[in-house]
Amino acid sequence: MQAQRIDFGERVDRKEAERRAGFRLLDLGSEPDAIFVRPDGLASVVYGDPARPRLVLSQARGAIYDGFIKKTGSRDTTIRTVSIDGEPGLFVDGAEHFVMFLDEHGEISDELTYLAGTVLLWNRGPLLLRLEGDLTRAKALELAESVE
């Protein structure tokens, strides 16, 4: 599976990322190796070498799009609904895929995944979180539960 060229935006410190994004950044319970923010407000905490990360937790104001399952699932992609701390989520695994979501204005947005692996999407309040990496569903859910 091929993922898009990694362009997380500008590398900044946590304080600057939070200022630009307009919310407190969440992480996986440990300090990330790098933090990036894009002009559209998407913030990403990166674990591992930013050029070849092992995990990425992206976050922005938004929500899961219910039409995601109907519009992006191919024969080689598995999409499962999950629940994380009572919030809805989707675990996506398989062939190259992209994610669809509602941005902070309620508009449908989509983009290719960064890493060639699995994606877990879920809401935490007004934030849409996206965890990417080479993860089993059980490990992705375990990591999602550790987000603080």
N, C-alpha and C. Protein backbone atom coordinates (compact mmCIF):
# COMPACT_ATOMS: atom_id res chain seq x y z
N MET A 1 0.84 -1.17 0.00
CA MET A 1 0.00 0.00 0.00
C MET A 1 0.89 1.23 0.00
N GLN A 2 0.61 2.16 -0.84
CA GLN A 2 1.36 3.40 -0.96
C GLN A 2 0.62 4.51 -0.22
N ALA A 3 1.30 5.30 0.53
CA ALA A 3 0.69 6.44 1.21
C ALA A 3 1.19 7.71 0.55
N GLN A 4 0.54 8.81 0.88
CA GLN A 4 0.96 10.06 0.29
C GLN A 4 2.31 10.51 0.84
N ARG A 5 2.98 11.36 0.08
CA ARG A 5 4.22 11.95 0.56
C ARG A 5 3.92 12.68 1.86
N ILE A 6 4.75 12.49 2.83
CA ILE A 6 4.48 13.09 4.13
C ILE A 6 4.74 14.59 4.09
N ASP A 7 3.69 15.35 4.32
CA ASP A 7 3.79 16.80 4.44
C ASP A 7 2.90 17.22 5.61
N PHE A 8 3.47 17.13 6.78
CA PHE A 8 2.71 17.43 7.99
C PHE A 8 2.52 18.93 8.20
N GLY A 9 3.21 19.74 7.44
CA GLY A 9 3.17 21.18 7.66
C GLY A 9 4.47 21.64 8.30
N GLU A 10 4.38 22.65 9.12
CA GLU A 10 5.56 23.24 9.74
C GLU A 10 5.83 22.60 11.10
N ARG A 11 7.09 22.26 11.33
CA ARG A 11 7.47 21.71 12.63
C ARG A 11 7.54 22.85 13.63
N VAL A 12 6.84 22.68 14.75
CA VAL A 12 6.78 23.71 15.78
C VAL A 12 6.81 23.02 17.14
N ASP A 13 6.94 23.83 18.19
CA ASP A 13 6.86 23.25 19.53
C ASP A 13 5.38 23.13 19.92
N ARG A 14 5.12 22.44 21.01
CA ARG A 14 3.74 22.18 21.45
C ARG A 14 2.96 23.47 21.66
N LYS A 15 3.57 24.43 22.33
CA LYS A 15 2.87 25.69 22.62
C LYS A 15 2.43 26.38 21.33
N GLU A 16 3.31 26.45 20.36
CA GLU A 16 2.98 27.10 19.09
C GLU A 16 1.92 26.31 18.32
N ALA A 17 2.02 24.98 18.32
CA ALA A 17 1.01 24.15 17.65
C ALA A 17 -0.36 24.38 18.27
N GLU A 18 -0.42 24.44 19.59
CA GLU A 18 -1.70 24.66 20.26
C GLU A 18 -2.25 26.05 19.97
N ARG A 19 -1.37 27.03 19.88
CA ARG A 19 -1.82 28.39 19.54
C ARG A 19 -2.43 28.41 18.15
N ARG A 20 -1.74 27.80 17.18
CA ARG A 20 -2.23 27.81 15.80
C ARG A 20 -3.48 26.96 15.61
N ALA A 21 -3.52 25.81 16.27
CA ALA A 21 -4.66 24.90 16.11
C ALA A 21 -5.89 25.41 16.89
N GLY A 22 -5.65 26.11 17.99
CA GLY A 22 -6.75 26.63 18.79
C GLY A 22 -7.31 25.64 19.80
N PHE A 23 -6.55 24.61 20.12
CA PHE A 23 -6.97 23.65 21.13
C PHE A 23 -5.73 22.99 21.74
N ARG A 24 -5.94 22.36 22.91
CA ARG A 24 -4.85 21.64 23.59
C ARG A 24 -4.58 20.34 22.84
N LEU A 25 -3.32 20.12 22.48
CA LEU A 25 -2.94 18.91 21.77
C LEU A 25 -2.99 17.70 22.68
N LEU A 26 -3.44 16.59 22.11
CA LEU A 26 -3.46 15.32 22.80
C LEU A 26 -2.27 14.49 22.31
N ASP A 27 -1.83 13.54 23.12
CA ASP A 27 -0.77 12.64 22.68
C ASP A 27 -1.04 11.25 23.22
N LEU A 28 -0.15 10.33 22.96
CA LEU A 28 -0.33 8.93 23.33
C LEU A 28 0.22 8.61 24.72
N GLY A 29 0.29 9.62 25.57
CA GLY A 29 0.76 9.41 26.93
C GLY A 29 2.26 9.53 27.09
N SER A 30 2.95 9.78 25.99
CA SER A 30 4.39 10.01 26.04
C SER A 30 4.72 11.15 25.09
N GLU A 31 5.85 11.76 25.35
CA GLU A 31 6.24 12.92 24.54
C GLU A 31 6.55 12.48 23.11
N PRO A 32 5.93 13.12 22.11
CA PRO A 32 6.22 12.76 20.72
C PRO A 32 7.62 13.22 20.32
N ASP A 33 8.09 12.66 19.20
CA ASP A 33 9.40 13.05 18.67
C ASP A 33 9.33 14.36 17.91
N ALA A 34 8.15 14.70 17.40
CA ALA A 34 7.99 15.95 16.67
C ALA A 34 6.52 16.33 16.66
N ILE A 35 6.26 17.63 16.50
CA ILE A 35 4.90 18.15 16.39
C ILE A 35 4.87 19.08 15.19
N PHE A 36 3.82 18.93 14.39
CA PHE A 36 3.65 19.73 13.19
C PHE A 36 2.25 20.33 13.17
N VAL A 37 2.12 21.42 12.45
CA VAL A 37 0.79 22.00 12.22
C VAL A 37 0.73 22.52 10.79
N ARG A 38 -0.41 22.29 10.15
CA ARG A 38 -0.62 22.76 8.78
C ARG A 38 -1.42 24.07 8.83
N PRO A 39 -1.39 24.84 7.75
CA PRO A 39 -2.16 26.08 7.72
C PRO A 39 -3.66 25.87 7.92
N ASP A 40 -4.18 24.68 7.57
CA ASP A 40 -5.61 24.43 7.75
C ASP A 40 -5.97 24.04 9.20
N GLY A 41 -4.97 24.04 10.11
CA GLY A 41 -5.22 23.77 11.51
C GLY A 41 -5.03 22.33 11.94
N LEU A 42 -4.72 21.43 11.00
CA LEU A 42 -4.47 20.03 11.36
C LEU A 42 -3.13 19.95 12.09
N ALA A 43 -3.16 19.42 13.30
CA ALA A 43 -1.94 19.25 14.08
C ALA A 43 -1.62 17.77 14.14
N SER A 44 -0.35 17.43 14.04
CA SER A 44 0.08 16.03 14.08
C SER A 44 1.21 15.87 15.07
N VAL A 45 1.04 14.91 15.99
CA VAL A 45 2.14 14.52 16.87
C VAL A 45 2.71 13.24 16.26
N VAL A 46 4.03 13.23 16.13
CA VAL A 46 4.72 12.17 15.39
C VAL A 46 5.65 11.42 16.33
N TYR A 47 5.58 10.10 16.24
CA TYR A 47 6.45 9.22 17.02
C TYR A 47 7.39 8.51 16.07
N GLY A 48 8.68 8.64 16.31
CA GLY A 48 9.70 8.10 15.42
C GLY A 48 10.25 9.22 14.56
N ASP A 49 11.14 8.87 13.68
CA ASP A 49 11.76 9.83 12.76
C ASP A 49 10.67 10.47 11.91
N PRO A 50 10.55 11.80 11.89
CA PRO A 50 9.50 12.45 11.11
C PRO A 50 9.52 12.09 9.61
N ALA A 51 10.69 11.71 9.09
CA ALA A 51 10.76 11.31 7.68
C ALA A 51 10.18 9.91 7.46
N ARG A 52 10.19 9.08 8.50
CA ARG A 52 9.66 7.70 8.43
C ARG A 52 9.02 7.35 9.77
N PRO A 53 7.94 8.03 10.13
CA PRO A 53 7.35 7.82 11.45
C PRO A 53 6.74 6.43 11.62
N ARG A 54 6.70 5.97 12.87
CA ARG A 54 6.04 4.69 13.14
C ARG A 54 4.60 4.90 13.55
N LEU A 55 4.29 6.06 14.15
CA LEU A 55 2.93 6.41 14.53
C LEU A 55 2.70 7.90 14.33
N VAL A 56 1.49 8.25 13.91
CA VAL A 56 1.10 9.65 13.78
C VAL A 56 -0.29 9.80 14.37
N LEU A 57 -0.45 10.75 15.27
CA LEU A 57 -1.76 11.10 15.82
C LEU A 57 -2.08 12.51 15.34
N SER A 58 -2.98 12.59 14.35
CA SER A 58 -3.40 13.89 13.82
C SER A 58 -4.70 14.29 14.48
N GLN A 59 -4.90 15.58 14.61
CA GLN A 59 -6.10 16.08 15.29
C GLN A 59 -6.50 17.43 14.75
N ALA A 60 -7.80 17.61 14.64
CA ALA A 60 -8.37 18.86 14.14
C ALA A 60 -9.81 18.93 14.62
N ARG A 61 -10.36 20.10 14.55
CA ARG A 61 -11.78 20.23 14.84
C ARG A 61 -12.54 19.59 13.69
N GLY A 62 -13.45 18.69 14.01
CA GLY A 62 -14.20 18.01 12.97
C GLY A 62 -14.91 16.80 13.53
N ALA A 63 -15.44 15.98 12.64
CA ALA A 63 -16.20 14.81 13.06
C ALA A 63 -16.12 13.73 12.00
N ILE A 64 -16.41 12.51 12.42
CA ILE A 64 -16.49 11.40 11.48
C ILE A 64 -17.66 11.65 10.54
N TYR A 65 -17.48 11.31 9.29
CA TYR A 65 -18.52 11.45 8.28
C TYR A 65 -19.20 10.10 8.10
N ASP A 66 -20.53 10.04 8.35
CA ASP A 66 -21.27 8.78 8.26
C ASP A 66 -21.18 8.14 6.88
N GLY A 67 -21.05 8.94 5.84
CA GLY A 67 -20.98 8.41 4.49
C GLY A 67 -19.65 7.78 4.15
N PHE A 68 -18.69 7.86 5.08
CA PHE A 68 -17.36 7.31 4.85
C PHE A 68 -17.43 5.85 4.42
N ILE A 69 -18.18 5.05 5.14
CA ILE A 69 -18.25 3.62 4.86
C ILE A 69 -18.83 3.37 3.47
N LYS A 70 -19.84 4.12 3.10
CA LYS A 70 -20.48 3.92 1.81
C LYS A 70 -19.61 4.39 0.66
N LYS A 71 -18.79 5.41 0.87
CA LYS A 71 -18.10 6.03 -0.25
C LYS A 71 -16.67 5.57 -0.45
N THR A 72 -16.00 5.01 0.56
CA THR A 72 -14.58 4.73 0.40
C THR A 72 -14.20 3.26 0.53
N GLY A 73 -15.08 2.45 0.98
CA GLY A 73 -14.72 1.05 1.16
C GLY A 73 -14.63 0.33 -0.18
N SER A 74 -13.47 -0.24 -0.46
CA SER A 74 -13.30 -1.03 -1.68
C SER A 74 -13.24 -2.50 -1.27
N ARG A 75 -13.16 -3.34 -2.24
CA ARG A 75 -13.11 -4.78 -1.99
C ARG A 75 -11.91 -5.16 -1.13
N ASP A 76 -10.81 -4.41 -1.22
CA ASP A 76 -9.60 -4.73 -0.47
C ASP A 76 -9.42 -3.90 0.80
N THR A 77 -10.46 -3.17 1.19
CA THR A 77 -10.39 -2.35 2.38
C THR A 77 -11.45 -2.82 3.37
N THR A 78 -11.04 -2.95 4.62
CA THR A 78 -11.96 -3.34 5.68
C THR A 78 -12.22 -2.12 6.56
N ILE A 79 -13.48 -1.81 6.78
CA ILE A 79 -13.85 -0.71 7.66
C ILE A 79 -14.76 -1.26 8.74
N ARG A 80 -14.34 -1.06 9.99
CA ARG A 80 -15.13 -1.55 11.11
C ARG A 80 -15.49 -0.39 12.03
N THR A 81 -16.71 -0.37 12.50
CA THR A 81 -17.09 0.64 13.48
C THR A 81 -16.57 0.21 14.85
N VAL A 82 -16.13 1.17 15.62
CA VAL A 82 -15.61 0.93 16.96
C VAL A 82 -16.13 2.02 17.89
N SER A 83 -15.90 1.84 19.16
CA SER A 83 -16.25 2.86 20.15
C SER A 83 -15.04 3.06 21.06
N ILE A 84 -14.69 4.31 21.28
CA ILE A 84 -13.57 4.65 22.15
C ILE A 84 -14.09 5.63 23.18
N ASP A 85 -14.06 5.22 24.44
CA ASP A 85 -14.60 6.05 25.52
C ASP A 85 -16.01 6.54 25.21
N GLY A 86 -16.82 5.69 24.59
CA GLY A 86 -18.20 6.03 24.28
C GLY A 86 -18.39 6.87 23.03
N GLU A 87 -17.31 7.24 22.37
CA GLU A 87 -17.38 8.04 21.15
C GLU A 87 -17.29 7.12 19.93
N PRO A 88 -17.96 7.48 18.84
CA PRO A 88 -17.91 6.65 17.63
C PRO A 88 -16.54 6.70 16.96
N GLY A 89 -16.18 5.61 16.32
CA GLY A 89 -14.92 5.56 15.60
C GLY A 89 -14.98 4.57 14.46
N LEU A 90 -13.96 4.63 13.60
CA LEU A 90 -13.83 3.72 12.46
C LEU A 90 -12.40 3.22 12.41
N PHE A 91 -12.24 1.91 12.25
CA PHE A 91 -10.93 1.30 12.06
C PHE A 91 -10.86 0.87 10.60
N VAL A 92 -9.87 1.40 9.86
CA VAL A 92 -9.74 1.16 8.42
C VAL A 92 -8.43 0.45 8.17
N ASP A 93 -8.52 -0.65 7.42
CA ASP A 93 -7.34 -1.47 7.13
C ASP A 93 -7.47 -2.00 5.72
N GLY A 94 -6.34 -2.17 5.05
CA GLY A 94 -6.37 -2.79 3.72
C GLY A 94 -5.68 -1.97 2.67
N ALA A 95 -6.23 -2.03 1.47
CA ALA A 95 -5.63 -1.38 0.31
C ALA A 95 -5.51 0.13 0.55
N GLU A 96 -4.76 0.79 -0.32
CA GLU A 96 -4.61 2.24 -0.23
C GLU A 96 -5.98 2.86 -0.06
N HIS A 97 -6.08 3.77 0.87
CA HIS A 97 -7.37 4.37 1.13
C HIS A 97 -7.18 5.83 1.53
N PHE A 98 -8.29 6.52 1.56
CA PHE A 98 -8.28 7.87 2.06
C PHE A 98 -9.36 7.98 3.11
N VAL A 99 -9.32 9.04 3.88
CA VAL A 99 -10.30 9.24 4.93
C VAL A 99 -11.18 10.43 4.57
N MET A 100 -12.45 10.29 4.89
CA MET A 100 -13.41 11.38 4.70
C MET A 100 -13.92 11.78 6.07
N PHE A 101 -14.10 13.07 6.26
CA PHE A 101 -14.55 13.57 7.55
C PHE A 101 -15.25 14.90 7.34
N LEU A 102 -15.89 15.38 8.37
CA LEU A 102 -16.50 16.70 8.35
C LEU A 102 -15.54 17.66 9.03
N ASP A 103 -15.24 18.76 8.36
CA ASP A 103 -14.34 19.73 8.99
C ASP A 103 -15.11 20.55 10.02
N GLU A 104 -14.45 21.52 10.60
CA GLU A 104 -15.08 22.30 11.67
C GLU A 104 -16.28 23.10 11.20
N HIS A 105 -16.44 23.27 9.88
CA HIS A 105 -17.58 24.01 9.33
C HIS A 105 -18.69 23.07 8.84
N GLY A 106 -18.50 21.75 9.07
CA GLY A 106 -19.50 20.78 8.64
C GLY A 106 -19.39 20.40 7.17
N GLU A 107 -18.32 20.82 6.51
CA GLU A 107 -18.09 20.49 5.10
C GLU A 107 -17.36 19.15 4.99
N ILE A 108 -17.70 18.36 3.99
CA ILE A 108 -17.03 17.09 3.77
C ILE A 108 -15.63 17.36 3.24
N SER A 109 -14.66 16.72 3.85
CA SER A 109 -13.27 16.85 3.44
C SER A 109 -12.68 15.44 3.35
N ASP A 110 -11.63 15.28 2.57
CA ASP A 110 -10.99 13.98 2.47
C ASP A 110 -9.51 14.17 2.18
N GLU A 111 -8.73 13.16 2.53
CA GLU A 111 -7.32 13.16 2.16
C GLU A 111 -6.77 11.75 2.27
N LEU A 112 -5.72 11.49 1.52
CA LEU A 112 -5.03 10.21 1.59
C LEU A 112 -4.38 10.08 2.96
N THR A 113 -4.20 8.84 3.38
CA THR A 113 -3.51 8.63 4.64
C THR A 113 -2.02 8.89 4.46
N TYR A 114 -1.34 9.21 5.56
CA TYR A 114 0.09 9.47 5.51
C TYR A 114 0.91 8.20 5.45
N LEU A 115 0.59 7.26 6.33
CA LEU A 115 1.39 6.05 6.45
C LEU A 115 0.69 4.89 5.77
N ALA A 116 1.47 3.99 5.21
CA ALA A 116 0.91 2.79 4.58
C ALA A 116 0.63 1.78 5.68
N GLY A 117 -0.52 1.87 6.27
CA GLY A 117 -0.89 1.00 7.38
C GLY A 117 -2.36 1.15 7.69
N THR A 118 -2.69 1.08 8.95
CA THR A 118 -4.07 1.19 9.38
C THR A 118 -4.36 2.60 9.85
N VAL A 119 -5.65 2.92 9.88
CA VAL A 119 -6.09 4.22 10.37
C VAL A 119 -7.24 4.00 11.34
N LEU A 120 -7.16 4.65 12.47
CA LEU A 120 -8.26 4.66 13.42
C LEU A 120 -8.73 6.11 13.51
N LEU A 121 -10.00 6.33 13.20
CA LEU A 121 -10.61 7.67 13.30
C LEU A 121 -11.61 7.64 14.43
N TRP A 122 -11.60 8.68 15.27
CA TRP A 122 -12.63 8.78 16.29
C TRP A 122 -12.76 10.21 16.76
N ASN A 123 -13.89 10.45 17.39
CA ASN A 123 -14.15 11.77 17.94
C ASN A 123 -13.85 11.78 19.41
N ARG A 124 -13.35 12.91 19.87
CA ARG A 124 -13.25 13.20 21.29
C ARG A 124 -13.75 14.63 21.43
N GLY A 125 -15.00 14.74 21.85
CA GLY A 125 -15.62 16.06 21.92
C GLY A 125 -15.62 16.69 20.53
N PRO A 126 -15.16 17.94 20.41
CA PRO A 126 -15.17 18.61 19.11
C PRO A 126 -14.00 18.24 18.19
N LEU A 127 -13.13 17.35 18.68
CA LEU A 127 -11.95 16.99 17.89
C LEU A 127 -12.14 15.68 17.15
N LEU A 128 -11.60 15.62 15.95
CA LEU A 128 -11.49 14.37 15.20
C LEU A 128 -10.04 13.93 15.32
N LEU A 129 -9.83 12.73 15.81
CA LEU A 129 -8.49 12.18 15.98
C LEU A 129 -8.26 11.10 14.93
N ARG A 130 -7.05 11.05 14.42
CA ARG A 130 -6.68 10.06 13.39
C ARG A 130 -5.34 9.47 13.78
N LEU A 131 -5.36 8.18 14.12
CA LEU A 131 -4.13 7.47 14.49
C LEU A 131 -3.73 6.57 13.33
N GLU A 132 -2.51 6.73 12.86
CA GLU A 132 -2.00 5.93 11.74
C GLU A 132 -0.73 5.21 12.15
N GLY A 133 -0.58 4.00 11.62
CA GLY A 133 0.61 3.21 11.85
C GLY A 133 0.35 1.78 11.43
N ASP A 134 1.33 0.95 11.59
CA ASP A 134 1.19 -0.47 11.27
C ASP A 134 0.68 -1.15 12.54
N LEU A 135 -0.64 -1.13 12.73
CA LEU A 135 -1.25 -1.54 13.98
C LEU A 135 -2.37 -2.55 13.75
N THR A 136 -2.52 -3.47 14.70
CA THR A 136 -3.72 -4.30 14.71
C THR A 136 -4.85 -3.46 15.27
N ARG A 137 -6.07 -3.92 15.08
CA ARG A 137 -7.21 -3.18 15.64
C ARG A 137 -7.10 -3.12 17.16
N ALA A 138 -6.73 -4.23 17.80
CA ALA A 138 -6.60 -4.26 19.26
C ALA A 138 -5.56 -3.25 19.74
N LYS A 139 -4.41 -3.18 19.07
CA LYS A 139 -3.35 -2.24 19.48
C LYS A 139 -3.79 -0.80 19.23
N ALA A 140 -4.44 -0.54 18.10
CA ALA A 140 -4.92 0.81 17.81
C ALA A 140 -5.92 1.27 18.87
N LEU A 141 -6.83 0.39 19.27
CA LEU A 141 -7.81 0.74 20.29
C LEU A 141 -7.13 0.95 21.64
N GLU A 142 -6.13 0.13 21.96
CA GLU A 142 -5.38 0.30 23.20
C GLU A 142 -4.69 1.67 23.22
N LEU A 143 -4.06 2.03 22.11
CA LEU A 143 -3.39 3.34 22.03
C LEU A 143 -4.41 4.48 22.13
N ALA A 144 -5.55 4.32 21.47
CA ALA A 144 -6.58 5.37 21.52
C ALA A 144 -7.06 5.59 22.95
N GLU A 145 -7.17 4.53 23.72
CA GLU A 145 -7.58 4.65 25.12
C GLU A 145 -6.53 5.38 25.95
N SER A 146 -5.26 5.38 25.48
CA SER A 146 -4.19 6.04 26.24
C SER A 146 -4.06 7.53 25.92
N VAL A 147 -4.79 7.99 24.92
CA VAL A 147 -4.66 9.40 24.49
C VAL A 147 -5.06 10.32 25.63
N GLU A 148 -4.17 11.27 25.90
CA GLU A 148 -4.43 12.27 26.95
C GLU A 148 -4.00 13.64 26.53
